[in-house]
């Protein structure tokens, strides 16, 4: 579970903690290497030759770069969840800083140095330290951190109660400008939507499809990933499940038929529930239906201003 913030406060709630566990291989702590059974060969000291620093050259185009860094870095993490305390997953991470107009380039290896320096255990309250470390390492005014990962929950089928694991997508964005920090929590989940128009005009049946809902929020307190997933899944015609037996399939099919939802209804239903949430201060809700009778998708968006 992640905490998003409107005012840059990192918070101290352990419930919202994100821990990044660097699974490092054991290192040879001595200054020698194996050289046959029971023998070690002494390592000679390495002399580093100073090389030309191309990135620090002067750039004469006088154009500041807003964000430059690394993206697509895969890293093992441990995330707090509501049901089981923690779960292990793998994140895709992006790290960026601004680049003043006078410098030709940035030193990409330094992003990895910053991450691995904090890589044993990182909690949400440590994220500002990473942002600050990037600013100091690069002498930058701004720093940005993206963490996106699959999030898993165990769901029970509606009739048989058979358990299965469902996957979702969660994302955490943090940005620092000097000392001011902003946090953004994103959750993406799928639902079934059944077309109200199709149901109204057809003699039997109605077309339905899978709809993808993306919710972004800022909040004054901790908001669980599971709670946002519940809001999304209760706003469509029917939730999705990984495992359904015949009795379950009958139930979800009939539930969807009894609750027809346009893509417009879907985003409005989610927005109403976010409006009622006492800790959500800003949100953006997007829904995209993969239309089953068209070769295009249907899309809607609501943002709280």
C-alpha atoms as a PDB file:
ATOM      1  CA  UNK A   1       0.000   0.000   0.000  1.00  0.00           C
ATOM      2  CA  UNK A   2       1.203   3.458  -0.822  1.00  0.00           C
ATOM      3  CA  UNK A   3       0.508   6.889   0.535  1.00  0.00           C
ATOM      4  CA  UNK A   4      -0.085   9.854  -1.721  1.00  0.00           C
ATOM      5  CA  UNK A   5       0.160  13.403  -0.438  1.00  0.00           C
ATOM      6  CA  UNK A   6      -1.062  16.791  -1.571  1.00  0.00           C
ATOM      7  CA  UNK A   7       1.322  18.895   0.476  1.00  0.00           C
ATOM      8  CA  UNK A   8       4.601  17.038   0.187  1.00  0.00           C
ATOM      9  CA  UNK A   9       4.474  15.464   3.637  1.00  0.00           C
ATOM     10  CA  UNK A  10       6.039  12.047   3.485  1.00  0.00           C
ATOM     11  CA  UNK A  11       4.123  10.827   6.520  1.00  0.00           C
ATOM     12  CA  UNK A  12       5.257   8.347   9.125  1.00  0.00           C
ATOM     13  CA  UNK A  13       2.562   5.643   8.863  1.00  0.00           C
ATOM     14  CA  UNK A  14       4.102   2.210   8.658  1.00  0.00           C
ATOM     15  CA  UNK A  15       0.900   0.944   7.084  1.00  0.00           C
ATOM     16  CA  UNK A  16       1.718   2.875   3.957  1.00  0.00           C
ATOM     17  CA  UNK A  17       5.292   1.701   3.820  1.00  0.00           C
ATOM     18  CA  UNK A  18       6.959   0.704   0.595  1.00  0.00           C
ATOM     19  CA  UNK A  19      10.099  -1.332   1.161  1.00  0.00           C
ATOM     20  CA  UNK A  20      12.613  -1.940  -1.579  1.00  0.00           C
ATOM     21  CA  UNK A  21      14.733  -5.005  -0.938  1.00  0.00           C
ATOM     22  CA  UNK A  22      17.931  -5.213  -2.942  1.00  0.00           C
ATOM     23  CA  UNK A  23      18.695  -8.905  -3.389  1.00  0.00           C
ATOM     24  CA  UNK A  24      22.477  -8.557  -3.602  1.00  0.00           C
ATOM     25  CA  UNK A  25      24.813 -11.490  -4.127  1.00  0.00           C
ATOM     26  CA  UNK A  26      27.386 -12.164  -1.452  1.00  0.00           C
ATOM     27  CA  UNK A  27      30.675 -10.393  -2.104  1.00  0.00           C
ATOM     28  CA  UNK A  28      34.161 -11.654  -1.429  1.00  0.00           C
ATOM     29  CA  UNK A  29      35.182  -9.517   1.515  1.00  0.00           C
ATOM     30  CA  UNK A  30      38.902 -10.236   1.342  1.00  0.00           C
ATOM     31  CA  UNK A  31      41.551  -8.953  -0.999  1.00  0.00           C
ATOM     32  CA  UNK A  32      42.246 -12.393  -2.478  1.00  0.00           C
ATOM     33  CA  UNK A  33      40.541 -14.841  -4.850  1.00  0.00           C
ATOM     34  CA  UNK A  34      40.430 -18.650  -4.920  1.00  0.00           C
ATOM     35  CA  UNK A  35      43.340 -20.191  -6.786  1.00  0.00           C
ATOM     36  CA  UNK A  36      42.742 -23.878  -6.493  1.00  0.00           C
ATOM     37  CA  UNK A  37      41.520 -25.922  -3.499  1.00  0.00           C
ATOM     38  CA  UNK A  38      42.490 -24.209  -0.270  1.00  0.00           C
ATOM     39  CA  UNK A  39      44.602 -21.604  -2.033  1.00  0.00           C
ATOM     40  CA  UNK A  40      44.117 -17.895  -2.654  1.00  0.00           C
ATOM     41  CA  UNK A  41      45.804 -15.612  -5.101  1.00  0.00           C
ATOM     42  CA  UNK A  42      46.442 -12.106  -3.843  1.00  0.00           C
ATOM     43  CA  UNK A  43      44.789  -9.315  -5.867  1.00  0.00           C
ATOM     44  CA  UNK A  44      46.901  -6.443  -7.074  1.00  0.00           C
ATOM     45  CA  UNK A  45      45.550  -2.947  -6.289  1.00  0.00           C
ATOM     46  CA  UNK A  46      43.589  -1.388  -9.168  1.00  0.00           C
ATOM     47  CA  UNK A  47      44.847   1.954 -10.436  1.00  0.00           C
ATOM     48  CA  UNK A  48      42.019   4.037 -11.927  1.00  0.00           C
ATOM     49  CA  UNK A  49      43.065   6.298 -14.775  1.00  0.00           C
ATOM     50  CA  UNK A  50      41.223   9.617 -14.882  1.00  0.00           C
ATOM     51  CA  UNK A  51      39.200   9.831 -18.102  1.00  0.00           C
ATOM     52  CA  UNK A  52      37.677  12.773 -19.902  1.00  0.00           C
ATOM     53  CA  UNK A  53      34.229  13.808 -18.518  1.00  0.00           C
ATOM     54  CA  UNK A  54      32.225  14.469 -21.683  1.00  0.00           C
ATOM     55  CA  UNK A  55      28.928  15.084 -19.842  1.00  0.00           C
ATOM     56  CA  UNK A  56      30.359  18.040 -17.919  1.00  0.00           C
ATOM     57  CA  UNK A  57      31.346  19.907 -21.045  1.00  0.00           C
ATOM     58  CA  UNK A  58      29.730  23.270 -21.684  1.00  0.00           C
ATOM     59  CA  UNK A  59      26.593  23.228 -23.854  1.00  0.00           C
ATOM     60  CA  UNK A  60      26.007  26.399 -25.864  1.00  0.00           C
ATOM     61  CA  UNK A  61      22.403  25.827 -26.951  1.00  0.00           C
ATOM     62  CA  UNK A  62      21.141  27.370 -23.687  1.00  0.00           C
ATOM     63  CA  UNK A  63      18.225  24.965 -23.277  1.00  0.00           C
ATOM     64  CA  UNK A  64      17.385  23.566 -19.836  1.00  0.00           C
ATOM     65  CA  UNK A  65      16.116  19.963 -19.768  1.00  0.00           C
ATOM     66  CA  UNK A  66      13.172  19.358 -17.437  1.00  0.00           C
ATOM     67  CA  UNK A  67      13.732  15.645 -16.823  1.00  0.00           C
ATOM     68  CA  UNK A  68      16.630  13.389 -17.723  1.00  0.00           C
ATOM     69  CA  UNK A  69      17.563  10.055 -16.216  1.00  0.00           C
ATOM     70  CA  UNK A  70      16.930   6.309 -16.368  1.00  0.00           C
ATOM     71  CA  UNK A  71      13.673   4.468 -17.040  1.00  0.00           C
ATOM     72  CA  UNK A  72      12.741   0.798 -17.254  1.00  0.00           C
ATOM     73  CA  UNK A  73      14.963  -0.257 -14.356  1.00  0.00           C
ATOM     74  CA  UNK A  74      13.580  -3.489 -12.860  1.00  0.00           C
ATOM     75  CA  UNK A  75      14.103  -3.868  -9.133  1.00  0.00           C
ATOM     76  CA  UNK A  76      12.755  -6.272  -6.455  1.00  0.00           C
ATOM     77  CA  UNK A  77      10.526  -4.575  -3.899  1.00  0.00           C
ATOM     78  CA  UNK A  78       8.409  -5.459  -0.892  1.00  0.00           C
ATOM     79  CA  UNK A  79       5.076  -3.654  -0.573  1.00  0.00           C
ATOM     80  CA  UNK A  80       2.826  -3.385   2.448  1.00  0.00           C
ATOM     81  CA  UNK A  81      -0.668  -4.762   1.832  1.00  0.00           C
ATOM     82  CA  UNK A  82      -3.861  -4.694   3.816  1.00  0.00           C
ATOM     83  CA  UNK A  83      -4.473  -8.438   4.129  1.00  0.00           C
ATOM     84  CA  UNK A  84      -1.036 -10.012   4.567  1.00  0.00           C
ATOM     85  CA  UNK A  85       1.206  -7.230   5.919  1.00  0.00           C
ATOM     86  CA  UNK A  86       3.662  -7.401   3.000  1.00  0.00           C
ATOM     87  CA  UNK A  87       4.063  -8.957  -0.430  1.00  0.00           C
ATOM     88  CA  UNK A  88       7.066  -9.343  -2.705  1.00  0.00           C
ATOM     89  CA  UNK A  89       6.910  -8.076  -6.269  1.00  0.00           C
ATOM     90  CA  UNK A  90       9.115  -6.511  -8.927  1.00  0.00           C
ATOM     91  CA  UNK A  91       8.920  -2.815  -9.794  1.00  0.00           C
ATOM     92  CA  UNK A  92       9.830  -0.916 -12.918  1.00  0.00           C
ATOM     93  CA  UNK A  93      11.571   2.238 -11.730  1.00  0.00           C
ATOM     94  CA  UNK A  94      12.344   5.606 -13.297  1.00  0.00           C
ATOM     95  CA  UNK A  95      14.695   8.198 -11.764  1.00  0.00           C
ATOM     96  CA  UNK A  96      15.118  11.704 -13.168  1.00  0.00           C
ATOM     97  CA  UNK A  97      16.517  15.166 -12.436  1.00  0.00           C
ATOM     98  CA  UNK A  98      16.528  18.463 -14.290  1.00  0.00           C
ATOM     99  CA  UNK A  99      19.646  19.448 -16.242  1.00  0.00           C
ATOM    100  CA  UNK A 100      20.821  23.086 -16.245  1.00  0.00           C
ATOM    101  CA  UNK A 101      21.330  24.634 -19.650  1.00  0.00           C
ATOM    102  CA  UNK A 102      25.089  24.964 -19.284  1.00  0.00           C
ATOM    103  CA  UNK A 103      25.769  21.183 -19.021  1.00  0.00           C
ATOM    104  CA  UNK A 104      25.966  18.859 -22.013  1.00  0.00           C
ATOM    105  CA  UNK A 105      24.719  15.732 -20.249  1.00  0.00           C
ATOM    106  CA  UNK A 106      24.044  13.933 -17.002  1.00  0.00           C
ATOM    107  CA  UNK A 107      25.917  11.030 -15.403  1.00  0.00           C
ATOM    108  CA  UNK A 108      23.489   8.102 -15.708  1.00  0.00           C
ATOM    109  CA  UNK A 109      25.454   5.741 -13.443  1.00  0.00           C
ATOM    110  CA  UNK A 110      24.853   8.050 -10.494  1.00  0.00           C
ATOM    111  CA  UNK A 111      21.143   7.200 -10.468  1.00  0.00           C
ATOM    112  CA  UNK A 112      22.033   3.570  -9.816  1.00  0.00           C
ATOM    113  CA  UNK A 113      24.481   4.640  -7.131  1.00  0.00           C
ATOM    114  CA  UNK A 114      21.730   6.573  -5.342  1.00  0.00           C
ATOM    115  CA  UNK A 115      19.227   3.704  -5.594  1.00  0.00           C
ATOM    116  CA  UNK A 116      21.634   1.037  -4.412  1.00  0.00           C
ATOM    117  CA  UNK A 117      22.855   3.231  -1.566  1.00  0.00           C
ATOM    118  CA  UNK A 118      19.259   3.065  -0.244  1.00  0.00           C
ATOM    119  CA  UNK A 119      18.657  -0.409  -1.605  1.00  0.00           C
ATOM    120  CA  UNK A 120      18.591  -2.685   1.449  1.00  0.00           C
ATOM    121  CA  UNK A 121      15.277  -1.508   2.933  1.00  0.00           C
ATOM    122  CA  UNK A 122      13.319   1.534   1.808  1.00  0.00           C
ATOM    123  CA  UNK A 123      10.080   2.725   3.385  1.00  0.00           C
ATOM    124  CA  UNK A 124       7.746   5.387   2.031  1.00  0.00           C
ATOM    125  CA  UNK A 125       9.171   7.820   4.560  1.00  0.00           C
ATOM    126  CA  UNK A 126      12.596   7.249   2.958  1.00  0.00           C
ATOM    127  CA  UNK A 127      11.433   8.369  -0.495  1.00  0.00           C
ATOM    128  CA  UNK A 128      12.178  12.052   0.294  1.00  0.00           C
ATOM    129  CA  UNK A 129      15.715  10.987   1.190  1.00  0.00           C
ATOM    130  CA  UNK A 130      16.151   9.394  -2.242  1.00  0.00           C
ATOM    131  CA  UNK A 131      14.810  12.507  -3.944  1.00  0.00           C
ATOM    132  CA  UNK A 132      17.124  14.697  -1.893  1.00  0.00           C
ATOM    133  CA  UNK A 133      20.067  12.390  -2.606  1.00  0.00           C
ATOM    134  CA  UNK A 134      19.426  12.741  -6.339  1.00  0.00           C
ATOM    135  CA  UNK A 135      19.317  16.526  -6.045  1.00  0.00           C
ATOM    136  CA  UNK A 136      22.598  16.561  -4.141  1.00  0.00           C
ATOM    137  CA  UNK A 137      24.311  14.011  -6.386  1.00  0.00           C
ATOM    138  CA  UNK A 138      23.443  15.937  -9.555  1.00  0.00           C
ATOM    139  CA  UNK A 139      23.274  19.456  -8.076  1.00  0.00           C
ATOM    140  CA  UNK A 140      19.730  19.580  -9.452  1.00  0.00           C
ATOM    141  CA  UNK A 141      16.769  21.753  -8.524  1.00  0.00           C
ATOM    142  CA  UNK A 142      14.202  18.985  -9.094  1.00  0.00           C
ATOM    143  CA  UNK A 143      14.128  15.193  -8.821  1.00  0.00           C
ATOM    144  CA  UNK A 144      11.548  12.578  -9.775  1.00  0.00           C
ATOM    145  CA  UNK A 145      10.930   8.961  -8.845  1.00  0.00           C
ATOM    146  CA  UNK A 146       8.535   6.539 -10.575  1.00  0.00           C
ATOM    147  CA  UNK A 147       7.748   3.088  -9.133  1.00  0.00           C
ATOM    148  CA  UNK A 148       5.287   0.850 -11.012  1.00  0.00           C
ATOM    149  CA  UNK A 149       4.595  -2.755 -10.069  1.00  0.00           C
ATOM    150  CA  UNK A 150       2.084  -5.607 -10.315  1.00  0.00           C
ATOM    151  CA  UNK A 151      -0.009  -5.918  -7.168  1.00  0.00           C
ATOM    152  CA  UNK A 152      -1.712  -9.190  -6.245  1.00  0.00           C
ATOM    153  CA  UNK A 153      -4.853  -9.971  -4.268  1.00  0.00           C
ATOM    154  CA  UNK A 154      -6.615 -13.224  -3.424  1.00  0.00           C
ATOM    155  CA  UNK A 155     -10.279 -13.180  -4.535  1.00  0.00           C
ATOM    156  CA  UNK A 156     -13.098 -15.617  -3.813  1.00  0.00           C
ATOM    157  CA  UNK A 157     -15.519 -16.635  -6.531  1.00  0.00           C
ATOM    158  CA  UNK A 158     -19.031 -15.273  -5.814  1.00  0.00           C
ATOM    159  CA  UNK A 159     -20.857 -18.619  -5.478  1.00  0.00           C
ATOM    160  CA  UNK A 160     -18.388 -21.476  -4.982  1.00  0.00           C
ATOM    161  CA  UNK A 161     -15.970 -19.399  -2.949  1.00  0.00           C
ATOM    162  CA  UNK A 162     -13.002 -20.829  -4.866  1.00  0.00           C
ATOM    163  CA  UNK A 163      -9.903 -18.707  -4.263  1.00  0.00           C
ATOM    164  CA  UNK A 164      -7.628 -17.388  -6.988  1.00  0.00           C
ATOM    165  CA  UNK A 165      -5.009 -14.671  -7.367  1.00  0.00           C
ATOM    166  CA  UNK A 166      -5.842 -11.502  -9.311  1.00  0.00           C
ATOM    167  CA  UNK A 167      -3.209  -9.098 -10.552  1.00  0.00           C
ATOM    168  CA  UNK A 168      -3.512  -5.325 -10.718  1.00  0.00           C
ATOM    169  CA  UNK A 169      -1.136  -2.470 -11.509  1.00  0.00           C
ATOM    170  CA  UNK A 170      -0.083   0.138  -8.946  1.00  0.00           C
ATOM    171  CA  UNK A 171       2.208   3.093  -9.412  1.00  0.00           C
ATOM    172  CA  UNK A 172       3.845   5.593  -7.098  1.00  0.00           C
ATOM    173  CA  UNK A 173       5.161   8.948  -8.351  1.00  0.00           C
ATOM    174  CA  UNK A 174       7.181  11.297  -6.171  1.00  0.00           C
ATOM    175  CA  UNK A 175       8.615  14.638  -7.247  1.00  0.00           C
ATOM    176  CA  UNK A 176      10.708  17.133  -5.304  1.00  0.00           C
ATOM    177  CA  UNK A 177      11.343  20.754  -6.146  1.00  0.00           C
ATOM    178  CA  UNK A 178      13.924  21.934  -3.612  1.00  0.00           C
ATOM    179  CA  UNK A 179      12.264  20.970  -0.309  1.00  0.00           C
ATOM    180  CA  UNK A 180       8.672  20.681  -1.600  1.00  0.00           C
ATOM    181  CA  UNK A 181       7.564  17.100  -2.322  1.00  0.00           C
ATOM    182  CA  UNK A 182       4.443  15.818  -4.088  1.00  0.00           C
ATOM    183  CA  UNK A 183       3.142  12.233  -4.132  1.00  0.00           C
ATOM    184  CA  UNK A 184       0.739  10.587  -6.545  1.00  0.00           C
ATOM    185  CA  UNK A 185      -0.836   7.133  -6.225  1.00  0.00           C
ATOM    186  CA  UNK A 186      -2.156   5.359  -9.332  1.00  0.00           C
ATOM    187  CA  UNK A 187      -4.148   2.110  -9.421  1.00  0.00           C
ATOM    188  CA  UNK A 188      -5.318   0.310 -12.564  1.00  0.00           C
ATOM    189  CA  UNK A 189      -7.987  -2.426 -12.515  1.00  0.00           C
ATOM    190  CA  UNK A 190     -10.380  -4.075 -14.963  1.00  0.00           C
ATOM    191  CA  UNK A 191     -14.143  -4.589 -14.770  1.00  0.00           C
ATOM    192  CA  UNK A 192     -16.952  -5.951 -16.949  1.00  0.00           C
ATOM    193  CA  UNK A 193     -19.284  -3.399 -18.528  1.00  0.00           C
ATOM    194  CA  UNK A 194     -22.575  -4.316 -20.201  1.00  0.00           C
ATOM    195  CA  UNK A 195     -24.061  -1.808 -22.654  1.00  0.00           C
ATOM    196  CA  UNK A 196     -27.358  -0.275 -21.424  1.00  0.00           C
ATOM    197  CA  UNK A 197     -28.382   0.643 -24.984  1.00  0.00           C
ATOM    198  CA  UNK A 198     -27.793  -2.889 -26.264  1.00  0.00           C
ATOM    199  CA  UNK A 199     -29.864  -4.318 -23.425  1.00  0.00           C
ATOM    200  CA  UNK A 200     -32.693  -1.852 -24.059  1.00  0.00           C
ATOM    201  CA  UNK A 201     -33.030  -2.489 -27.800  1.00  0.00           C
ATOM    202  CA  UNK A 202     -32.131  -6.158 -28.214  1.00  0.00           C
ATOM    203  CA  UNK A 203     -34.764  -8.896 -28.030  1.00  0.00           C
ATOM    204  CA  UNK A 204     -32.319 -11.007 -26.043  1.00  0.00           C
ATOM    205  CA  UNK A 205     -28.818 -10.548 -24.721  1.00  0.00           C
ATOM    206  CA  UNK A 206     -26.571  -7.469 -24.702  1.00  0.00           C
ATOM    207  CA  UNK A 207     -22.984  -6.881 -25.732  1.00  0.00           C
ATOM    208  CA  UNK A 208     -20.438  -6.525 -22.955  1.00  0.00           C
ATOM    209  CA  UNK A 209     -16.711  -5.940 -22.715  1.00  0.00           C
ATOM    210  CA  UNK A 210     -13.759  -5.570 -20.388  1.00  0.00           C
ATOM    211  CA  UNK A 211     -13.173  -2.024 -19.201  1.00  0.00           C
ATOM    212  CA  UNK A 212      -9.853  -0.755 -17.864  1.00  0.00           C
ATOM    213  CA  UNK A 213     -10.112   1.884 -15.137  1.00  0.00           C
ATOM    214  CA  UNK A 214      -7.166   4.028 -14.044  1.00  0.00           C
ATOM    215  CA  UNK A 215      -7.460   6.072 -10.851  1.00  0.00           C
ATOM    216  CA  UNK A 216      -4.888   8.660  -9.775  1.00  0.00           C
ATOM    217  CA  UNK A 217      -5.223  10.346  -6.386  1.00  0.00           C
ATOM    218  CA  UNK A 218      -3.585  12.730  -3.973  1.00  0.00           C
ATOM    219  CA  UNK A 219      -4.642  12.429  -0.360  1.00  0.00           C
ATOM    220  CA  UNK A 220      -4.046  13.915   3.057  1.00  0.00           C
ATOM    221  CA  UNK A 221      -3.748  10.505   4.724  1.00  0.00           C
ATOM    222  CA  UNK A 222      -2.964   6.904   3.806  1.00  0.00           C
ATOM    223  CA  UNK A 223      -5.256   5.330   1.202  1.00  0.00           C
ATOM    224  CA  UNK A 224      -4.867   1.585   0.699  1.00  0.00           C
ATOM    225  CA  UNK A 225      -4.402   0.187  -2.792  1.00  0.00           C
ATOM    226  CA  UNK A 226      -7.060  -2.413  -1.935  1.00  0.00           C
ATOM    227  CA  UNK A 227      -9.585   0.321  -1.143  1.00  0.00           C
ATOM    228  CA  UNK A 228      -9.133   1.945  -4.561  1.00  0.00           C
ATOM    229  CA  UNK A 229      -9.480  -1.457  -6.230  1.00  0.00           C
ATOM    230  CA  UNK A 230     -12.738  -2.020  -4.337  1.00  0.00           C
ATOM    231  CA  UNK A 231     -14.067   1.356  -5.501  1.00  0.00           C
ATOM    232  CA  UNK A 232     -13.237   0.515  -9.119  1.00  0.00           C
ATOM    233  CA  UNK A 233     -14.654  -3.019  -9.045  1.00  0.00           C
ATOM    234  CA  UNK A 234     -17.922  -1.886  -7.455  1.00  0.00           C
ATOM    235  CA  UNK A 235     -18.460   0.751 -10.151  1.00  0.00           C
ATOM    236  CA  UNK A 236     -18.791  -1.469 -13.229  1.00  0.00           C
ATOM    237  CA  UNK A 237     -21.386  -4.032 -14.252  1.00  0.00           C
ATOM    238  CA  UNK A 238     -19.420  -6.845 -12.598  1.00  0.00           C
ATOM    239  CA  UNK A 239     -15.942  -7.460 -11.152  1.00  0.00           C
ATOM    240  CA  UNK A 240     -13.448  -9.787 -12.829  1.00  0.00           C
ATOM    241  CA  UNK A 241     -12.133 -13.033 -11.337  1.00  0.00           C
ATOM    242  CA  UNK A 242      -9.229 -15.274 -12.252  1.00  0.00           C
ATOM    243  CA  UNK A 243     -11.098 -18.511 -11.455  1.00  0.00           C
ATOM    244  CA  UNK A 244     -14.813 -19.134 -12.050  1.00  0.00           C
ATOM    245  CA  UNK A 245     -16.733 -22.409 -12.048  1.00  0.00           C
ATOM    246  CA  UNK A 246     -20.058 -22.764 -13.906  1.00  0.00           C
ATOM    247  CA  UNK A 247     -22.148 -21.553 -10.967  1.00  0.00           C
ATOM    248  CA  UNK A 248     -19.879 -18.522 -10.587  1.00  0.00           C
ATOM    249  CA  UNK A 249     -19.957 -17.728 -14.315  1.00  0.00           C
ATOM    250  CA  UNK A 250     -23.765 -17.779 -14.239  1.00  0.00           C
ATOM    251  CA  UNK A 251     -23.755 -15.385 -11.285  1.00  0.00           C
ATOM    252  CA  UNK A 252     -21.358 -12.812 -12.763  1.00  0.00           C
ATOM    253  CA  UNK A 253     -23.120 -12.939 -16.153  1.00  0.00           C
ATOM    254  CA  UNK A 254     -26.472 -12.235 -14.534  1.00  0.00           C
ATOM    255  CA  UNK A 255     -24.965  -9.556 -12.283  1.00  0.00           C
ATOM    256  CA  UNK A 256     -23.589  -7.747 -15.316  1.00  0.00           C
ATOM    257  CA  UNK A 257     -26.940  -8.010 -17.124  1.00  0.00           C
ATOM    258  CA  UNK A 258     -28.735  -6.545 -14.113  1.00  0.00           C
ATOM    259  CA  UNK A 259     -26.239  -3.642 -13.871  1.00  0.00           C
ATOM    260  CA  UNK A 260     -25.697  -2.160 -17.353  1.00  0.00           C
ATOM    261  CA  UNK A 261     -23.042   0.572 -17.387  1.00  0.00           C
ATOM    262  CA  UNK A 262     -21.863   2.983 -20.084  1.00  0.00           C
ATOM    263  CA  UNK A 263     -18.238   4.118 -19.972  1.00  0.00           C
ATOM    264  CA  UNK A 264     -19.672   7.475 -18.828  1.00  0.00           C
ATOM    265  CA  UNK A 265     -21.464   5.737 -15.939  1.00  0.00           C
ATOM    266  CA  UNK A 266     -18.270   3.973 -14.991  1.00  0.00           C
ATOM    267  CA  UNK A 267     -16.160   7.095 -14.449  1.00  0.00           C
ATOM    268  CA  UNK A 268     -19.043   8.888 -12.723  1.00  0.00           C
ATOM    269  CA  UNK A 269     -19.595   5.985 -10.323  1.00  0.00           C
ATOM    270  CA  UNK A 270     -15.916   5.981  -9.360  1.00  0.00           C
ATOM    271  CA  UNK A 271     -15.814   9.778  -9.042  1.00  0.00           C
ATOM    272  CA  UNK A 272     -18.829   9.848  -6.715  1.00  0.00           C
ATOM    273  CA  UNK A 273     -17.160   7.392  -4.350  1.00  0.00           C
ATOM    274  CA  UNK A 274     -13.896   9.356  -4.415  1.00  0.00           C
ATOM    275  CA  UNK A 275     -15.841  12.559  -3.683  1.00  0.00           C
ATOM    276  CA  UNK A 276     -17.210  10.853  -0.574  1.00  0.00           C
ATOM    277  CA  UNK A 277     -13.780   9.705   0.608  1.00  0.00           C
ATOM    278  CA  UNK A 278     -12.658  11.985   3.455  1.00  0.00           C
ATOM    279  CA  UNK A 279      -8.929  11.781   2.657  1.00  0.00           C
ATOM    280  CA  UNK A 280      -8.871  12.145  -1.149  1.00  0.00           C
ATOM    281  CA  UNK A 281      -8.074  15.748  -2.118  1.00  0.00           C
ATOM    282  CA  UNK A 282      -7.596  15.331  -5.880  1.00  0.00           C
ATOM    283  CA  UNK A 283      -8.300  12.589  -8.393  1.00  0.00           C
ATOM    284  CA  UNK A 284      -8.344  11.733 -12.065  1.00  0.00           C
ATOM    285  CA  UNK A 285     -10.454   8.808 -13.268  1.00  0.00           C
ATOM    286  CA  UNK A 286     -10.078   7.309 -16.739  1.00  0.00           C
ATOM    287  CA  UNK A 287     -11.993   4.381 -18.223  1.00  0.00           C
ATOM    288  CA  UNK A 288     -11.511   2.650 -21.552  1.00  0.00           C
ATOM    289  CA  UNK A 289     -13.862  -0.082 -22.775  1.00  0.00           C
ATOM    290  CA  UNK A 290     -12.541  -2.600 -25.282  1.00  0.00           C
ATOM    291  CA  UNK A 291     -15.719  -2.648 -27.349  1.00  0.00           C
ATOM    292  CA  UNK A 292     -16.851  -6.123 -28.403  1.00  0.00           C
ATOM    293  CA  UNK A 293     -18.951  -5.027 -31.430  1.00  0.00           C
ATOM    294  CA  UNK A 294     -16.680  -2.233 -32.683  1.00  0.00           C
ATOM    295  CA  UNK A 295     -13.103  -2.041 -33.891  1.00  0.00           C
ATOM    296  CA  UNK A 296     -12.468   0.928 -31.583  1.00  0.00           C
ATOM    297  CA  UNK A 297     -12.632   1.595 -27.857  1.00  0.00           C
ATOM    298  CA  UNK A 298     -14.899   3.849 -25.782  1.00  0.00           C
ATOM    299  CA  UNK A 299     -13.204   6.316 -23.399  1.00  0.00           C
ATOM    300  CA  UNK A 300     -14.210   8.723 -20.614  1.00  0.00           C
ATOM    301  CA  UNK A 301     -12.337  10.844 -18.050  1.00  0.00           C
ATOM    302  CA  UNK A 302     -13.217  12.905 -14.968  1.00  0.00           C
ATOM    303  CA  UNK A 303     -10.734  15.046 -13.035  1.00  0.00           C
ATOM    304  CA  UNK A 304     -11.346  16.875  -9.762  1.00  0.00           C
ATOM    305  CA  UNK A 305     -10.078  20.440 -10.061  1.00  0.00           C
END
